[in-house]
PDB file of N, CA and C in Angstrom:
ATOM      1  N   UNK A   1      92.037  85.416 108.221  1.00  0.00           N
ATOM      2  CA  UNK A   1      92.630  86.489 107.452  1.00  0.00           C
ATOM      3  C   UNK A   1      92.625  86.152 105.979  1.00  0.00           C
ATOM      4  N   UNK A   2      93.074  84.947 105.610  1.00  0.00           N
ATOM      5  CA  UNK A   2      93.131  84.580 104.193  1.00  0.00           C
ATOM      6  C   UNK A   2      91.746  84.570 103.568  1.00  0.00           C
ATOM      7  N   UNK A   3      90.762  84.020 104.274  1.00  0.00           N
ATOM      8  CA  UNK A   3      89.401  83.942 103.742  1.00  0.00           C
ATOM      9  C   UNK A   3      88.863  85.349 103.472  1.00  0.00           C
ATOM     10  N   UNK A   4      89.044  86.251 104.422  1.00  0.00           N
ATOM     11  CA  UNK A   4      88.589  87.630 104.250  1.00  0.00           C
ATOM     12  C   UNK A   4      89.340  88.325 103.120  1.00  0.00           C
ATOM     13  N   UNK A   5      90.644  88.081 103.021  1.00  0.00           N
ATOM     14  CA  UNK A   5      91.447  88.693 101.958  1.00  0.00           C
ATOM     15  C   UNK A   5      90.939  88.260 100.587  1.00  0.00           C
ATOM     16  N   UNK A   6      90.810  86.953 100.369  1.00  0.00           N
ATOM     17  CA  UNK A   6      90.392  86.466  99.057  1.00  0.00           C
ATOM     18  C   UNK A   6      88.922  86.748  98.755  1.00  0.00           C
ATOM     19  N   UNK A   7      88.128  87.034  99.775  1.00  0.00           N
ATOM     20  CA  UNK A   7      86.730  87.407  99.560  1.00  0.00           C
ATOM     21  C   UNK A   7      86.582  88.889  99.223  1.00  0.00           C
ATOM     22  N   UNK A   8      87.698  89.638  99.247  1.00  0.00           N
ATOM     23  CA  UNK A   8      87.654  91.055  98.923  1.00  0.00           C
ATOM     24  C   UNK A   8      87.172  91.924 100.064  1.00  0.00           C
ATOM     25  N   UNK A   9      87.230  91.422 101.309  1.00  0.00           N
ATOM     26  CA  UNK A   9      86.775  92.206 102.453  1.00  0.00           C
ATOM     27  C   UNK A   9      87.884  93.062 103.073  1.00  0.00           C
ATOM     28  N   UNK A  10      89.127  92.837 102.674  1.00  0.00           N
ATOM     29  CA  UNK A  10      90.246  93.646 103.194  1.00  0.00           C
ATOM     30  C   UNK A  10      90.651  94.690 102.157  1.00  0.00           C
ATOM     31  N   UNK A  11      90.816  94.262 100.936  1.00  0.00           N
ATOM     32  CA  UNK A  11      91.015  95.155  99.789  1.00  0.00           C
ATOM     33  C   UNK A  11      90.064  94.670  98.700  1.00  0.00           C
ATOM     34  N   UNK A  12      89.837  95.493  97.703  1.00  0.00           N
ATOM     35  CA  UNK A  12      88.884  95.141  96.650  1.00  0.00           C
ATOM     36  C   UNK A  12      89.341  93.891  95.888  1.00  0.00           C
ATOM     37  N   UNK A  13      88.408  93.154  95.304  1.00  0.00           N
ATOM     38  CA  UNK A  13      88.795  91.975  94.512  1.00  0.00           C
ATOM     39  C   UNK A  13      89.786  92.293  93.393  1.00  0.00           C
ATOM     40  N   UNK A  14      89.683  93.491  92.828  1.00  0.00           N
ATOM     41  CA  UNK A  14      90.635  93.891  91.783  1.00  0.00           C
ATOM     42  C   UNK A  14      92.059  93.971  92.336  1.00  0.00           C
ATOM     43  N   UNK A  15      92.186  94.511  93.556  1.00  0.00           N
ATOM     44  CA  UNK A  15      93.501  94.596  94.186  1.00  0.00           C
ATOM     45  C   UNK A  15      94.000  93.233  94.638  1.00  0.00           C
ATOM     46  N   UNK A  16      93.099  92.373  95.089  1.00  0.00           N
ATOM     47  CA  UNK A  16      93.504  91.009  95.426  1.00  0.00           C
ATOM     48  C   UNK A  16      94.154  90.369  94.212  1.00  0.00           C
ATOM     49  N   UNK A  17      93.492  90.465  93.064  1.00  0.00           N
ATOM     50  CA  UNK A  17      94.034  89.874  91.830  1.00  0.00           C
ATOM     51  C   UNK A  17      95.392  90.465  91.482  1.00  0.00           C
ATOM     52  N   UNK A  18      95.559  91.764  91.648  1.00  0.00           N
ATOM     53  CA  UNK A  18      96.840  92.414  91.332  1.00  0.00           C
ATOM     54  C   UNK A  18      97.937  91.999  92.319  1.00  0.00           C
ATOM     55  N   UNK A  19      97.572  91.867  93.591  1.00  0.00           N
ATOM     56  CA  UNK A  19      98.542  91.536  94.628  1.00  0.00           C
ATOM     57  C   UNK A  19      99.062  90.111  94.508  1.00  0.00           C
ATOM     58  N   UNK A  20      98.235  89.194  94.027  1.00  0.00           N
ATOM     59  CA  UNK A  20      98.671  87.799  93.917  1.00  0.00           C
ATOM     60  C   UNK A  20      99.073  87.433  92.494  1.00  0.00           C
ATOM     61  N   UNK A  21      99.203  88.434  91.637  1.00  0.00           N
ATOM     62  CA  UNK A  21      99.719  88.225  90.288  1.00  0.00           C
ATOM     63  C   UNK A  21     101.241  88.337  90.343  1.00  0.00           C
ATOM     64  N   UNK A  22     101.960  87.424  89.693  1.00  0.00           N
ATOM     65  CA  UNK A  22     103.427  87.510  89.715  1.00  0.00           C
ATOM     66  C   UNK A  22     103.931  88.802  89.064  1.00  0.00           C
ATOM     67  N   UNK A  23     104.826  89.484  89.768  1.00  0.00           N
ATOM     68  CA  UNK A  23     105.465  90.688  89.239  1.00  0.00           C
ATOM     69  C   UNK A  23     106.961  90.482  89.033  1.00  0.00           C
ATOM     70  N   UNK A  24     107.506  89.441  89.638  1.00  0.00           N
ATOM     71  CA  UNK A  24     108.914  89.079  89.399  1.00  0.00           C
ATOM     72  C   UNK A  24     109.068  87.582  89.658  1.00  0.00           C
ATOM     73  N   UNK A  25     110.118  87.006  89.099  1.00  0.00           N
ATOM     74  CA  UNK A  25     110.350  85.557  89.193  1.00  0.00           C
ATOM     75  C   UNK A  25     111.710  85.283  89.831  1.00  0.00           C
ATOM     76  N   UNK A  26     111.771  84.244  90.648  1.00  0.00           N
ATOM     77  CA  UNK A  26     113.019  83.763  91.228  1.00  0.00           C
ATOM     78  C   UNK A  26     113.076  82.260  90.938  1.00  0.00           C
ATOM     79  N   UNK A  27     113.415  81.897  89.686  1.00  0.00           N
ATOM     80  CA  UNK A  27     113.332  80.494  89.266  1.00  0.00           C
ATOM     81  C   UNK A  27     114.172  79.532  90.104  1.00  0.00           C
ATOM     82  N   UNK A  28     115.337  79.960  90.565  1.00  0.00           N
ATOM     83  CA  UNK A  28     116.208  79.060  91.326  1.00  0.00           C
ATOM     84  C   UNK A  28     115.581  78.648  92.660  1.00  0.00           C
ATOM     85  N   UNK A  29     114.656  79.447  93.192  1.00  0.00           N
ATOM     86  CA  UNK A  29     113.960  79.113  94.436  1.00  0.00           C
ATOM     87  C   UNK A  29     112.529  78.641  94.176  1.00  0.00           C
ATOM     88  N   UNK A  30     112.168  78.509  92.907  1.00  0.00           N
ATOM     89  CA  UNK A  30     110.812  78.130  92.507  1.00  0.00           C
ATOM     90  C   UNK A  30     109.771  79.053  93.149  1.00  0.00           C
ATOM     91  N   UNK A  31     110.064  80.365  93.110  1.00  0.00           N
ATOM     92  CA  UNK A  31     109.180  81.372  93.688  1.00  0.00           C
ATOM     93  C   UNK A  31     108.933  82.498  92.701  1.00  0.00           C
ATOM     94  N   UNK A  32     107.826  83.161  92.899  1.00  0.00           N
ATOM     95  CA  UNK A  32     107.505  84.407  92.217  1.00  0.00           C
ATOM     96  C   UNK A  32     107.112  85.392  93.310  1.00  0.00           C
ATOM     97  N   UNK A  33     107.061  86.671  92.958  1.00  0.00           N
ATOM     98  CA  UNK A  33     106.679  87.671  93.946  1.00  0.00           C
ATOM     99  C   UNK A  33     105.555  88.519  93.387  1.00  0.00           C
ATOM    100  N   UNK A  34     104.506  88.686  94.173  1.00  0.00           N
ATOM    101  CA  UNK A  34     103.401  89.565  93.812  1.00  0.00           C
ATOM    102  C   UNK A  34     103.638  90.921  94.440  1.00  0.00           C
ATOM    103  N   UNK A  35     102.591  91.506  94.974  1.00  0.00           N
ATOM    104  CA  UNK A  35     102.718  92.767  95.700  1.00  0.00           C
ATOM    105  C   UNK A  35     102.551  92.467  97.186  1.00  0.00           C
ATOM    106  N   UNK A  36     103.675  92.179  97.847  1.00  0.00           N
ATOM    107  CA  UNK A  36     103.659  91.869  99.271  1.00  0.00           C
ATOM    108  C   UNK A  36     103.558  90.396  99.594  1.00  0.00           C
ATOM    109  N   UNK A  37     103.356  89.558  98.601  1.00  0.00           N
ATOM    110  CA  UNK A  37     103.178  88.130  98.811  1.00  0.00           C
ATOM    111  C   UNK A  37     104.166  87.329  97.978  1.00  0.00           C
ATOM    112  N   UNK A  38     104.709  86.265  98.559  1.00  0.00           N
ATOM    113  CA  UNK A  38     105.469  85.290  97.802  1.00  0.00           C
ATOM    114  C   UNK A  38     104.475  84.317  97.187  1.00  0.00           C
ATOM    115  N   UNK A  39     104.754  83.891  95.974  1.00  0.00           N
ATOM    116  CA  UNK A  39     103.890  82.963  95.252  1.00  0.00           C
ATOM    117  C   UNK A  39     104.724  81.773  94.833  1.00  0.00           C
ATOM    118  N   UNK A  40     104.194  80.585  95.018  1.00  0.00           N
ATOM    119  CA  UNK A  40     104.919  79.382  94.613  1.00  0.00           C
ATOM    120  C   UNK A  40     105.086  79.407  93.103  1.00  0.00           C
ATOM    121  N   UNK A  41     106.184  78.844  92.623  1.00  0.00           N
ATOM    122  CA  UNK A  41     106.478  78.859  91.192  1.00  0.00           C
ATOM    123  C   UNK A  41     105.565  78.003  90.350  1.00  0.00           C
ATOM    124  N   UNK A  42     105.035  76.915  90.893  1.00  0.00           N
ATOM    125  CA  UNK A  42     104.201  76.029  90.079  1.00  0.00           C
ATOM    126  C   UNK A  42     102.865  75.669  90.734  1.00  0.00           C
ATOM    127  N   UNK A  43     102.699  75.932  92.017  1.00  0.00           N
ATOM    128  CA  UNK A  43     101.451  75.632  92.709  1.00  0.00           C
ATOM    129  C   UNK A  43     100.700  76.931  92.980  1.00  0.00           C
ATOM    130  N   UNK A  44      99.399  76.827  93.156  1.00  0.00           N
ATOM    131  CA  UNK A  44      98.612  77.996  93.516  1.00  0.00           C
ATOM    132  C   UNK A  44      98.680  78.180  95.029  1.00  0.00           C
ATOM    133  N   UNK A  45      99.786  78.790  95.489  1.00  0.00           N
ATOM    134  CA  UNK A  45     100.006  79.058  96.906  1.00  0.00           C
ATOM    135  C   UNK A  45     100.442  80.505  97.083  1.00  0.00           C
ATOM    136  N   UNK A  46      99.920  81.129  98.124  1.00  0.00           N
ATOM    137  CA  UNK A  46     100.289  82.487  98.489  1.00  0.00           C
ATOM    138  C   UNK A  46     100.943  82.409  99.863  1.00  0.00           C
ATOM    139  N   UNK A  47     102.070  83.112 100.035  1.00  0.00           N
ATOM    140  CA  UNK A  47     102.842  82.987 101.268  1.00  0.00           C
ATOM    141  C   UNK A  47     103.184  84.358 101.844  1.00  0.00           C
ATOM    142  N   UNK A  48     103.162  84.429 103.164  1.00  0.00           N
ATOM    143  CA  UNK A  48     103.730  85.558 103.897  1.00  0.00           C
ATOM    144  C   UNK A  48     104.797  84.993 104.811  1.00  0.00           C
ATOM    145  N   UNK A  49     105.956  85.637 104.831  1.00  0.00           N
ATOM    146  CA  UNK A  49     107.102  85.155 105.598  1.00  0.00           C
ATOM    147  C   UNK A  49     107.750  86.349 106.277  1.00  0.00           C
ATOM    148  N   UNK A  50     108.187  86.146 107.527  1.00  0.00           N
ATOM    149  CA  UNK A  50     108.897  87.220 108.210  1.00  0.00           C
ATOM    150  C   UNK A  50     109.696  86.713 109.388  1.00  0.00           C
ATOM    151  N   UNK A  51     110.701  87.478 109.756  1.00  0.00           N
ATOM    152  CA  UNK A  51     111.489  87.159 110.943  1.00  0.00           C
ATOM    153  C   UNK A  51     112.194  88.392 111.442  1.00  0.00           C
ATOM    154  N   UNK A  52     112.503  88.355 112.710  1.00  0.00           N
ATOM    155  CA  UNK A  52     113.276  89.394 113.368  1.00  0.00           C
ATOM    156  C   UNK A  52     113.892  88.726 114.595  1.00  0.00           C
ATOM    157  N   UNK A  53     114.680  89.445 115.336  1.00  0.00           N
ATOM    158  CA  UNK A  53     115.293  88.865 116.525  1.00  0.00           C
ATOM    159  C   UNK A  53     114.199  88.363 117.464  1.00  0.00           C
ATOM    160  N   UNK A  54     114.200  87.065 117.729  1.00  0.00           N
ATOM    161  CA  UNK A  54     113.257  86.489 118.676  1.00  0.00           C
ATOM    162  C   UNK A  54     111.918  86.066 118.123  1.00  0.00           C
ATOM    163  N   UNK A  55     111.718  86.150 116.814  1.00  0.00           N
ATOM    164  CA  UNK A  55     110.431  85.758 116.249  1.00  0.00           C
ATOM    165  C   UNK A  55     110.588  85.379 114.777  1.00  0.00           C
ATOM    166  N   UNK A  56     109.799  84.407 114.331  1.00  0.00           N
ATOM    167  CA  UNK A  56     109.724  84.062 112.912  1.00  0.00           C
ATOM    168  C   UNK A  56     108.314  83.582 112.611  1.00  0.00           C
ATOM    169  N   UNK A  57     107.933  83.682 111.329  1.00  0.00           N
ATOM    170  CA  UNK A  57     106.551  83.453 110.949  1.00  0.00           C
ATOM    171  C   UNK A  57     106.494  83.028 109.489  1.00  0.00           C
ATOM    172  N   UNK A  58     105.653  82.058 109.187  1.00  0.00           N
ATOM    173  CA  UNK A  58     105.380  81.705 107.800  1.00  0.00           C
ATOM    174  C   UNK A  58     103.955  81.188 107.724  1.00  0.00           C
ATOM    175  N   UNK A  59     103.203  81.719 106.769  1.00  0.00           N
ATOM    176  CA  UNK A  59     101.866  81.225 106.496  1.00  0.00           C
ATOM    177  C   UNK A  59     101.751  80.980 105.002  1.00  0.00           C
ATOM    178  N   UNK A  60     101.202  79.841 104.653  1.00  0.00           N
ATOM    179  CA  UNK A  60     101.007  79.441 103.263  1.00  0.00           C
ATOM    180  C   UNK A  60      99.528  79.131 103.091  1.00  0.00           C
ATOM    181  N   UNK A  61      98.921  79.741 102.084  1.00  0.00           N
ATOM    182  CA  UNK A  61      97.496  79.517 101.823  1.00  0.00           C
ATOM    183  C   UNK A  61      97.317  79.042 100.393  1.00  0.00           C
ATOM    184  N   UNK A  62      96.456  78.039 100.232  1.00  0.00           N
ATOM    185  CA  UNK A  62      96.103  77.515  98.913  1.00  0.00           C
ATOM    186  C   UNK A  62      94.654  77.926  98.640  1.00  0.00           C
ATOM    187  N   UNK A  63      94.453  78.965  97.826  1.00  0.00           N
ATOM    188  CA  UNK A  63      93.096  79.487  97.618  1.00  0.00           C
ATOM    189  C   UNK A  63      92.097  78.458  97.079  1.00  0.00           C
ATOM    190  N   UNK A  64      92.526  77.577  96.211  1.00  0.00           N
ATOM    191  CA  UNK A  64      91.588  76.623  95.620  1.00  0.00           C
ATOM    192  C   UNK A  64      91.033  75.635  96.646  1.00  0.00           C
ATOM    193  N   UNK A  65      91.893  75.119  97.518  1.00  0.00           N
ATOM    194  CA  UNK A  65      91.447  74.132  98.504  1.00  0.00           C
ATOM    195  C   UNK A  65      91.025  74.774  99.828  1.00  0.00           C
ATOM    196  N   UNK A  66      91.470  76.001 100.067  1.00  0.00           N
ATOM    197  CA  UNK A  66      91.192  76.668 101.335  1.00  0.00           C
ATOM    198  C   UNK A  66      92.114  76.233 102.462  1.00  0.00           C
ATOM    199  N   UNK A  67      93.126  75.417 102.149  1.00  0.00           N
ATOM    200  CA  UNK A  67      94.061  74.922 103.165  1.00  0.00           C
ATOM    201  C   UNK A  67      95.076  76.017 103.508  1.00  0.00           C
ATOM    202  N   UNK A  68      95.299  76.215 104.801  1.00  0.00           N
ATOM    203  CA  UNK A  68      96.290  77.174 105.290  1.00  0.00           C
ATOM    204  C   UNK A  68      97.192  76.470 106.287  1.00  0.00           C
ATOM    205  N   UNK A  69      98.511  76.705 106.149  1.00  0.00           N
ATOM    206  CA  UNK A  69      99.489  76.202 107.111  1.00  0.00           C
ATOM    207  C   UNK A  69     100.242  77.412 107.651  1.00  0.00           C
ATOM    208  N   UNK A  70     100.182  77.609 108.967  1.00  0.00           N
ATOM    209  CA  UNK A  70     100.841  78.753 109.594  1.00  0.00           C
ATOM    210  C   UNK A  70     101.726  78.263 110.729  1.00  0.00           C
ATOM    211  N   UNK A  71     102.955  78.771 110.754  1.00  0.00           N
ATOM    212  CA  UNK A  71     103.907  78.400 111.795  1.00  0.00           C
ATOM    213  C   UNK A  71     104.459  79.688 112.405  1.00  0.00           C
ATOM    214  N   UNK A  72     104.460  79.748 113.733  1.00  0.00           N
ATOM    215  CA  UNK A  72     105.040  80.862 114.488  1.00  0.00           C
ATOM    216  C   UNK A  72     106.178  80.321 115.328  1.00  0.00           C
ATOM    217  N   UNK A  73     107.259  81.073 115.430  1.00  0.00           N
ATOM    218  CA  UNK A  73     108.379  80.648 116.261  1.00  0.00           C
ATOM    219  C   UNK A  73     108.845  81.769 117.172  1.00  0.00           C
ATOM    220  N   UNK A  74     109.403  81.382 118.317  1.00  0.00           N
ATOM    221  CA  UNK A  74     109.897  82.400 119.236  1.00  0.00           C
ATOM    222  C   UNK A  74     111.419  82.537 119.168  1.00  0.00           C
ATOM    223  N   UNK A  75     111.984  82.145 118.024  1.00  0.00           N
ATOM    224  CA  UNK A  75     113.374  82.451 117.684  1.00  0.00           C
ATOM    225  C   UNK A  75     113.393  82.893 116.224  1.00  0.00           C
ATOM    226  N   UNK A  76     114.451  83.548 115.816  1.00  0.00           N
ATOM    227  CA  UNK A  76     114.539  84.032 114.440  1.00  0.00           C
ATOM    228  C   UNK A  76     114.539  82.894 113.424  1.00  0.00           C
ATOM    229  N   UNK A  77     114.999  81.714 113.807  1.00  0.00           N
ATOM    230  CA  UNK A  77     115.069  80.581 112.888  1.00  0.00           C
ATOM    231  C   UNK A  77     114.086  79.466 113.233  1.00  0.00           C
ATOM    232  N   UNK A  78     113.194  79.690 114.185  1.00  0.00           N
ATOM    233  CA  UNK A  78     112.352  78.635 114.718  1.00  0.00           C
ATOM    234  C   UNK A  78     111.375  77.995 113.748  1.00  0.00           C
ATOM    235  N   UNK A  79     110.840  78.752 112.802  1.00  0.00           N
ATOM    236  CA  UNK A  79     109.796  78.183 111.946  1.00  0.00           C
ATOM    237  C   UNK A  79     110.324  77.354 110.791  1.00  0.00           C
ATOM    238  N   UNK A  80     111.557  77.558 110.384  1.00  0.00           N
ATOM    239  CA  UNK A  80     112.015  76.968 109.111  1.00  0.00           C
ATOM    240  C   UNK A  80     112.022  75.444 109.117  1.00  0.00           C
ATOM    241  N   UNK A  81     112.477  74.751 110.163  1.00  0.00           N
ATOM    242  CA  UNK A  81     112.408  73.282 110.128  1.00  0.00           C
ATOM    243  C   UNK A  81     110.965  72.772 110.037  1.00  0.00           C
ATOM    244  N   UNK A  82     110.068  73.378 110.785  1.00  0.00           N
ATOM    245  CA  UNK A  82     108.668  72.952 110.763  1.00  0.00           C
ATOM    246  C   UNK A  82     108.038  73.298 109.409  1.00  0.00           C
ATOM    247  N   UNK A  83     108.318  74.492 108.894  1.00  0.00           N
ATOM    248  CA  UNK A  83     107.774  74.895 107.589  1.00  0.00           C
ATOM    249  C   UNK A  83     108.264  73.979 106.480  1.00  0.00           C
ATOM    250  N   UNK A  84     109.537  73.593 106.516  1.00  0.00           N
ATOM    251  CA  UNK A  84     110.068  72.660 105.495  1.00  0.00           C
ATOM    252  C   UNK A  84     109.366  71.309 105.592  1.00  0.00           C
ATOM    253  N   UNK A  85     109.146  70.841 106.818  1.00  0.00           N
ATOM    254  CA  UNK A  85     108.446  69.571 107.005  1.00  0.00           C
ATOM    255  C   UNK A  85     107.032  69.650 106.437  1.00  0.00           C
ATOM    256  N   UNK A  86     106.305  70.705 106.774  1.00  0.00           N
ATOM    257  CA  UNK A  86     104.938  70.856 106.274  1.00  0.00           C
ATOM    258  C   UNK A  86     104.911  70.974 104.753  1.00  0.00           C
ATOM    259  N   UNK A  87     105.887  71.686 104.201  1.00  0.00           N
ATOM    260  CA  UNK A  87     105.982  71.834 102.748  1.00  0.00           C
ATOM    261  C   UNK A  87     106.215  70.477 102.077  1.00  0.00           C
ATOM    262  N   UNK A  88     106.999  69.608 102.707  1.00  0.00           N
ATOM    263  CA  UNK A  88     107.280  68.305 102.122  1.00  0.00           C
ATOM    264  C   UNK A  88     106.062  67.378 102.168  1.00  0.00           C
ATOM    265  N   UNK A  89     105.090  67.708 103.031  1.00  0.00           N
ATOM    266  CA  UNK A  89     103.899  66.878 103.202  1.00  0.00           C
ATOM    267  C   UNK A  89     102.771  67.280 102.267  1.00  0.00           C
ATOM    268  N   UNK A  90     102.944  68.372 101.562  1.00  0.00           N
ATOM    269  CA  UNK A  90     101.822  68.708 100.692  1.00  0.00           C
ATOM    270  C   UNK A  90     101.809  70.108 100.284  1.00  0.00           C
TER     271      UNK A  90
END
């Protein structure tokens, strides 16, 4: 999904650039927000995060390196410990 998105196969390259451009800042969490995507405050990372009763999800993609880390959980809070661990590793 990330490879196709950044290659402009899902939306045009112009929209990709607009969607991953910061539109608001949350300095206390070291985050910015694009159009539908969370952006790391100092690293080139794009994130999608979601949860509901019985499910949680987080995917982080680094466009420059092509590295993607995705965690799925079958509880509303299941991904956060694993996501924090992965975040601390790189």
